[in-house]
Amino acid sequence: MANIVIDAELCKSCEFCCDACPQKIIRVGESNNAKGYRFVEQFNSEKCTACRLCAIMCPEAAIEVYK
């Protein structure tokens, strides 16, 4: 199991991470950040393989993956 940490204030909800995730465990959440973007969140963390594709695809470097 791995943990994905998303910096909500950097996220612009581009959804590149959602598309890149082979396990499909990242989605756009319901909360907004200070800029008004609905930031992404991880769910089903037990399915995360720590492949780091979400972090690689993030243009804002808002994602860190911990194994």
PDB file of N, CA and C in Angstrom:
ATOM      1  N   MET A   1       0.842  -1.185   0.000  1.00  0.00           N
ATOM      2  CA  MET A   1       0.000   0.000   0.000  1.00  0.00           C
ATOM      3  C   MET A   1       0.882   1.241   0.000  1.00  0.00           C
ATOM      4  N   ALA A   2       0.512   2.187  -0.803  1.00  0.00           N
ATOM      5  CA  ALA A   2       1.251   3.446  -0.890  1.00  0.00           C
ATOM      6  C   ALA A   2       0.305   4.600  -0.581  1.00  0.00           C
ATOM      7  N   ASN A   3       0.897   5.722  -0.293  1.00  0.00           N
ATOM      8  CA  ASN A   3       0.113   6.905   0.036  1.00  0.00           C
ATOM      9  C   ASN A   3       0.461   8.023  -0.939  1.00  0.00           C
ATOM     10  N   ILE A   4      -0.553   8.615  -1.516  1.00  0.00           N
ATOM     11  CA  ILE A   4      -0.373   9.739  -2.424  1.00  0.00           C
ATOM     12  C   ILE A   4      -0.721  11.008  -1.656  1.00  0.00           C
ATOM     13  N   VAL A   5       0.213  11.963  -1.651  1.00  0.00           N
ATOM     14  CA  VAL A   5      -0.026  13.246  -0.989  1.00  0.00           C
ATOM     15  C   VAL A   5      -0.170  14.310  -2.069  1.00  0.00           C
ATOM     16  N   ILE A   6      -1.296  14.980  -2.049  1.00  0.00           N
ATOM     17  CA  ILE A   6      -1.603  15.993  -3.054  1.00  0.00           C
ATOM     18  C   ILE A   6      -1.619  17.357  -2.385  1.00  0.00           C
ATOM     19  N   ASP A   7      -0.834  18.270  -2.926  1.00  0.00           N
ATOM     20  CA  ASP A   7      -0.839  19.649  -2.431  1.00  0.00           C
ATOM     21  C   ASP A   7      -2.042  20.340  -3.067  1.00  0.00           C
ATOM     22  N   ALA A   8      -3.104  20.456  -2.303  1.00  0.00           N
ATOM     23  CA  ALA A   8      -4.367  20.980  -2.816  1.00  0.00           C
ATOM     24  C   ALA A   8      -4.226  22.383  -3.393  1.00  0.00           C
ATOM     25  N   GLU A   9      -3.356  23.186  -2.832  1.00  0.00           N
ATOM     26  CA  GLU A   9      -3.207  24.566  -3.309  1.00  0.00           C
ATOM     27  C   GLU A   9      -2.486  24.648  -4.650  1.00  0.00           C
ATOM     28  N   LEU A  10      -1.722  23.632  -5.016  1.00  0.00           N
ATOM     29  CA  LEU A  10      -1.046  23.618  -6.317  1.00  0.00           C
ATOM     30  C   LEU A  10      -1.896  22.975  -7.405  1.00  0.00           C
ATOM     31  N   CYS A  11      -2.803  22.108  -7.023  1.00  0.00           N
ATOM     32  CA  CYS A  11      -3.610  21.353  -7.988  1.00  0.00           C
ATOM     33  C   CYS A  11      -4.545  22.281  -8.753  1.00  0.00           C
ATOM     34  N   LYS A  12      -4.568  22.109 -10.090  1.00  0.00           N
ATOM     35  CA  LYS A  12      -5.451  22.894 -10.951  1.00  0.00           C
ATOM     36  C   LYS A  12      -6.507  22.022 -11.623  1.00  0.00           C
ATOM     37  N   SER A  13      -6.671  20.801 -11.112  1.00  0.00           N
ATOM     38  CA  SER A  13      -7.713  19.889 -11.576  1.00  0.00           C
ATOM     39  C   SER A  13      -7.622  19.600 -13.081  1.00  0.00           C
ATOM     40  N   CYS A  14      -6.418  19.426 -13.578  1.00  0.00           N
ATOM     41  CA  CYS A  14      -6.242  19.112 -15.000  1.00  0.00           C
ATOM     42  C   CYS A  14      -6.618  17.663 -15.307  1.00  0.00           C
ATOM     43  N   GLU A  15      -6.618  16.818 -14.292  1.00  0.00           N
ATOM     44  CA  GLU A  15      -6.974  15.405 -14.369  1.00  0.00           C
ATOM     45  C   GLU A  15      -5.962  14.549 -15.121  1.00  0.00           C
ATOM     46  N   PHE A  16      -4.770  15.049 -15.388  1.00  0.00           N
ATOM     47  CA  PHE A  16      -3.732  14.227 -16.017  1.00  0.00           C
ATOM     48  C   PHE A  16      -3.396  13.035 -15.134  1.00  0.00           C
ATOM     49  N   CYS A  17      -3.366  13.259 -13.828  1.00  0.00           N
ATOM     50  CA  CYS A  17      -3.048  12.176 -12.888  1.00  0.00           C
ATOM     51  C   CYS A  17      -4.144  11.111 -12.903  1.00  0.00           C
ATOM     52  N   CYS A  18      -5.378  11.531 -12.994  1.00  0.00           N
ATOM     53  CA  CYS A  18      -6.502  10.586 -13.039  1.00  0.00           C
ATOM     54  C   CYS A  18      -6.398   9.689 -14.267  1.00  0.00           C
ATOM     55  N   ASP A  19      -6.067  10.292 -15.386  1.00  0.00           N
ATOM     56  CA  ASP A  19      -5.928   9.536 -16.630  1.00  0.00           C
ATOM     57  C   ASP A  19      -4.708   8.623 -16.602  1.00  0.00           C
ATOM     58  N   ALA A  20      -3.634   9.051 -15.956  1.00  0.00           N
ATOM     59  CA  ALA A  20      -2.384   8.283 -15.950  1.00  0.00           C
ATOM     60  C   ALA A  20      -2.412   7.098 -14.987  1.00  0.00           C
ATOM     61  N   CYS A  21      -3.240   7.153 -13.983  1.00  0.00           N
ATOM     62  CA  CYS A  21      -3.250   6.112 -12.945  1.00  0.00           C
ATOM     63  C   CYS A  21      -3.770   4.790 -13.497  1.00  0.00           C
ATOM     64  N   PRO A  22      -2.930   3.739 -13.527  1.00  0.00           N
ATOM     65  CA  PRO A  22      -3.385   2.449 -14.047  1.00  0.00           C
ATOM     66  C   PRO A  22      -4.416   1.773 -13.136  1.00  0.00           C
ATOM     67  N   GLN A  23      -4.418   2.127 -11.853  1.00  0.00           N
ATOM     68  CA  GLN A  23      -5.366   1.544 -10.910  1.00  0.00           C
ATOM     69  C   GLN A  23      -6.666   2.347 -10.815  1.00  0.00           C
ATOM     70  N   LYS A  24      -6.688   3.547 -11.410  1.00  0.00           N
ATOM     71  CA  LYS A  24      -7.857   4.439 -11.403  1.00  0.00           C
ATOM     72  C   LYS A  24      -8.326   4.736  -9.982  1.00  0.00           C
ATOM     73  N   ILE A  25      -7.379   5.152  -9.133  1.00  0.00           N
ATOM     74  CA  ILE A  25      -7.698   5.433  -7.726  1.00  0.00           C
ATOM     75  C   ILE A  25      -7.529   6.915  -7.376  1.00  0.00           C
ATOM     76  N   ILE A  26      -7.518   7.768  -8.386  1.00  0.00           N
ATOM     77  CA  ILE A  26      -7.453   9.213  -8.172  1.00  0.00           C
ATOM     78  C   ILE A  26      -8.663   9.823  -8.869  1.00  0.00           C
ATOM     79  N   ARG A  27      -9.321  10.727  -8.170  1.00  0.00           N
ATOM     80  CA  ARG A  27     -10.505  11.378  -8.741  1.00  0.00           C
ATOM     81  C   ARG A  27     -10.540  12.836  -8.303  1.00  0.00           C
ATOM     82  N   VAL A  28     -11.336  13.612  -9.000  1.00  0.00           N
ATOM     83  CA  VAL A  28     -11.538  15.006  -8.622  1.00  0.00           C
ATOM     84  C   VAL A  28     -12.475  15.022  -7.424  1.00  0.00           C
ATOM     85  N   GLY A  29     -12.055  15.704  -6.385  1.00  0.00           N
ATOM     86  CA  GLY A  29     -12.842  15.761  -5.158  1.00  0.00           C
ATOM     87  C   GLY A  29     -13.930  16.822  -5.210  1.00  0.00           C
ATOM     88  N   GLU A  30     -14.599  16.990  -4.094  1.00  0.00           N
ATOM     89  CA  GLU A  30     -15.700  17.946  -3.990  1.00  0.00           C
ATOM     90  C   GLU A  30     -15.258  19.300  -3.441  1.00  0.00           C
ATOM     91  N   SER A  31     -14.074  19.350  -2.823  1.00  0.00           N
ATOM     92  CA  SER A  31     -13.607  20.591  -2.191  1.00  0.00           C
ATOM     93  C   SER A  31     -12.836  21.449  -3.178  1.00  0.00           C
ATOM     94  N   ASN A  32     -12.876  22.756  -2.947  1.00  0.00           N
ATOM     95  CA  ASN A  32     -12.132  23.701  -3.775  1.00  0.00           C
ATOM     96  C   ASN A  32     -10.928  24.225  -3.012  1.00  0.00           C
ATOM     97  N   ASN A  33      -9.865  24.547  -3.754  1.00  0.00           N
ATOM     98  CA  ASN A  33      -8.721  25.201  -3.120  1.00  0.00           C
ATOM     99  C   ASN A  33      -8.933  26.716  -3.150  1.00  0.00           C
ATOM    100  N   ALA A  34      -7.956  27.467  -2.689  1.00  0.00           N
ATOM    101  CA  ALA A  34      -8.090  28.928  -2.590  1.00  0.00           C
ATOM    102  C   ALA A  34      -8.291  29.593  -3.955  1.00  0.00           C
ATOM    103  N   LYS A  35      -7.822  28.939  -5.026  1.00  0.00           N
ATOM    104  CA  LYS A  35      -7.965  29.494  -6.373  1.00  0.00           C
ATOM    105  C   LYS A  35      -9.282  29.086  -7.028  1.00  0.00           C
ATOM    106  N   GLY A  36     -10.054  28.248  -6.352  1.00  0.00           N
ATOM    107  CA  GLY A  36     -11.347  27.838  -6.878  1.00  0.00           C
ATOM    108  C   GLY A  36     -11.339  26.540  -7.649  1.00  0.00           C
ATOM    109  N   TYR A  37     -10.198  25.860  -7.731  1.00  0.00           N
ATOM    110  CA  TYR A  37     -10.118  24.585  -8.430  1.00  0.00           C
ATOM    111  C   TYR A  37     -10.550  23.451  -7.514  1.00  0.00           C
ATOM    112  N   ARG A  38     -11.283  22.494  -8.045  1.00  0.00           N
ATOM    113  CA  ARG A  38     -11.600  21.277  -7.297  1.00  0.00           C
ATOM    114  C   ARG A  38     -10.394  20.357  -7.406  1.00  0.00           C
ATOM    115  N   PHE A  39      -9.696  20.172  -6.331  1.00  0.00           N
ATOM    116  CA  PHE A  39      -8.458  19.385  -6.376  1.00  0.00           C
ATOM    117  C   PHE A  39      -8.742  17.890  -6.305  1.00  0.00           C
ATOM    118  N   VAL A  40      -7.766  17.104  -6.769  1.00  0.00           N
ATOM    119  CA  VAL A  40      -7.917  15.650  -6.823  1.00  0.00           C
ATOM    120  C   VAL A  40      -7.641  15.015  -5.463  1.00  0.00           C
ATOM    121  N   GLU A  41      -8.110  13.787  -5.318  1.00  0.00           N
ATOM    122  CA  GLU A  41      -7.907  13.030  -4.093  1.00  0.00           C
ATOM    123  C   GLU A  41      -7.697  11.560  -4.439  1.00  0.00           C
ATOM    124  N   GLN A  42      -7.047  10.867  -3.546  1.00  0.00           N
ATOM    125  CA  GLN A  42      -6.851   9.429  -3.694  1.00  0.00           C
ATOM    126  C   GLN A  42      -7.960   8.701  -2.943  1.00  0.00           C
ATOM    127  N   PHE A  43      -8.444   7.611  -3.506  1.00  0.00           N
ATOM    128  CA  PHE A  43      -9.358   6.721  -2.805  1.00  0.00           C
ATOM    129  C   PHE A  43      -8.877   5.291  -3.062  1.00  0.00           C
ATOM    130  N   ASN A  44      -9.290   4.350  -2.271  1.00  0.00           N
ATOM    131  CA  ASN A  44      -8.811   2.964  -2.368  1.00  0.00           C
ATOM    132  C   ASN A  44      -7.291   2.897  -2.317  1.00  0.00           C
ATOM    133  N   SER A  45      -6.710   3.503  -1.305  1.00  0.00           N
ATOM    134  CA  SER A  45      -5.249   3.557  -1.201  1.00  0.00           C
ATOM    135  C   SER A  45      -4.610   2.178  -1.155  1.00  0.00           C
ATOM    136  N   GLU A  46      -5.355   1.165  -0.731  1.00  0.00           N
ATOM    137  CA  GLU A  46      -4.789  -0.185  -0.680  1.00  0.00           C
ATOM    138  C   GLU A  46      -4.489  -0.749  -2.066  1.00  0.00           C
ATOM    139  N   LYS A  47      -5.062  -0.169  -3.109  1.00  0.00           N
ATOM    140  CA  LYS A  47      -4.795  -0.616  -4.474  1.00  0.00           C
ATOM    141  C   LYS A  47      -3.602   0.091  -5.121  1.00  0.00           C
ATOM    142  N   CYS A  48      -3.080   1.126  -4.482  1.00  0.00           N
ATOM    143  CA  CYS A  48      -1.974   1.897  -5.049  1.00  0.00           C
ATOM    144  C   CYS A  48      -0.706   1.054  -5.085  1.00  0.00           C
ATOM    145  N   THR A  49      -0.050   1.025  -6.240  1.00  0.00           N
ATOM    146  CA  THR A  49       1.186   0.257  -6.419  1.00  0.00           C
ATOM    147  C   THR A  49       2.429   1.132  -6.362  1.00  0.00           C
ATOM    148  N   ALA A  50       2.266   2.403  -6.090  1.00  0.00           N
ATOM    149  CA  ALA A  50       3.374   3.370  -6.021  1.00  0.00           C
ATOM    150  C   ALA A  50       4.140   3.466  -7.338  1.00  0.00           C
ATOM    151  N   CYS A  51       3.434   3.388  -8.436  1.00  0.00           N
ATOM    152  CA  CYS A  51       4.083   3.485  -9.753  1.00  0.00           C
ATOM    153  C   CYS A  51       4.581   4.900 -10.043  1.00  0.00           C
ATOM    154  N   ARG A  52       4.012   5.883  -9.370  1.00  0.00           N
ATOM    155  CA  ARG A  52       4.381   7.294  -9.469  1.00  0.00           C
ATOM    156  C   ARG A  52       4.009   7.967 -10.805  1.00  0.00           C
ATOM    157  N   LEU A  53       3.190   7.313 -11.603  1.00  0.00           N
ATOM    158  CA  LEU A  53       2.778   7.928 -12.864  1.00  0.00           C
ATOM    159  C   LEU A  53       1.979   9.205 -12.625  1.00  0.00           C
ATOM    160  N   CYS A  54       1.211   9.231 -11.567  1.00  0.00           N
ATOM    161  CA  CYS A  54       0.439  10.441 -11.255  1.00  0.00           C
ATOM    162  C   CYS A  54       1.369  11.619 -10.991  1.00  0.00           C
ATOM    163  N   ALA A  55       2.422  11.388 -10.219  1.00  0.00           N
ATOM    164  CA  ALA A  55       3.377  12.448  -9.896  1.00  0.00           C
ATOM    165  C   ALA A  55       4.160  12.888 -11.133  1.00  0.00           C
ATOM    166  N   ILE A  56       4.495  11.943 -11.982  1.00  0.00           N
ATOM    167  CA  ILE A  56       5.240  12.251 -13.210  1.00  0.00           C
ATOM    168  C   ILE A  56       4.393  13.107 -14.153  1.00  0.00           C
ATOM    169  N   MET A  57       3.104  12.807 -14.240  1.00  0.00           N
ATOM    170  CA  MET A  57       2.226  13.514 -15.178  1.00  0.00           C
ATOM    171  C   MET A  57       1.778  14.887 -14.678  1.00  0.00           C
ATOM    172  N   CYS A  58       1.883  15.137 -13.384  1.00  0.00           N
ATOM    173  CA  CYS A  58       1.379  16.390 -12.823  1.00  0.00           C
ATOM    174  C   CYS A  58       2.234  17.586 -13.263  1.00  0.00           C
ATOM    175  N   PRO A  59       1.666  18.513 -14.050  1.00  0.00           N
ATOM    176  CA  PRO A  59       2.448  19.664 -14.524  1.00  0.00           C
ATOM    177  C   PRO A  59       2.771  20.669 -13.415  1.00  0.00           C
ATOM    178  N   GLU A  60       2.057  20.596 -12.300  1.00  0.00           N
ATOM    179  CA  GLU A  60       2.261  21.526 -11.203  1.00  0.00           C
ATOM    180  C   GLU A  60       3.137  20.938 -10.088  1.00  0.00           C
ATOM    181  N   ALA A  61       3.583  19.692 -10.247  1.00  0.00           N
ATOM    182  CA  ALA A  61       4.368  18.981  -9.228  1.00  0.00           C
ATOM    183  C   ALA A  61       3.645  19.018  -7.874  1.00  0.00           C
ATOM    184  N   ALA A  62       2.352  18.765  -7.914  1.00  0.00           N
ATOM    185  CA  ALA A  62       1.518  18.827  -6.717  1.00  0.00           C
ATOM    186  C   ALA A  62       1.353  17.468  -6.043  1.00  0.00           C
ATOM    187  N   ILE A  63       1.976  16.416  -6.592  1.00  0.00           N
ATOM    188  CA  ILE A  63       1.762  15.062  -6.076  1.00  0.00           C
ATOM    189  C   ILE A  63       3.087  14.437  -5.650  1.00  0.00           C
ATOM    190  N   GLU A  64       3.071  13.824  -4.472  1.00  0.00           N
ATOM    191  CA  GLU A  64       4.181  13.028  -3.994  1.00  0.00           C
ATOM    192  C   GLU A  64       3.649  11.668  -3.615  1.00  0.00           C
ATOM    193  N   VAL A  65       4.421  10.621  -3.910  1.00  0.00           N
ATOM    194  CA  VAL A  65       4.007   9.254  -3.627  1.00  0.00           C
ATOM    195  C   VAL A  65       4.971   8.655  -2.611  1.00  0.00           C
ATOM    196  N   TYR A  66       4.402   8.076  -1.567  1.00  0.00           N
ATOM    197  CA  TYR A  66       5.194   7.431  -0.519  1.00  0.00           C
ATOM    198  C   TYR A  66       4.815   5.964  -0.442  1.00  0.00           C
ATOM    199  N   LYS A  67       5.825   5.116  -0.445  1.00  0.00           N
ATOM    200  CA  LYS A  67       5.587   3.677  -0.384  1.00  0.00           C
ATOM    201  C   LYS A  67       5.726   3.174   1.017  1.00  0.00           C
TER     202      LYS A  67
END
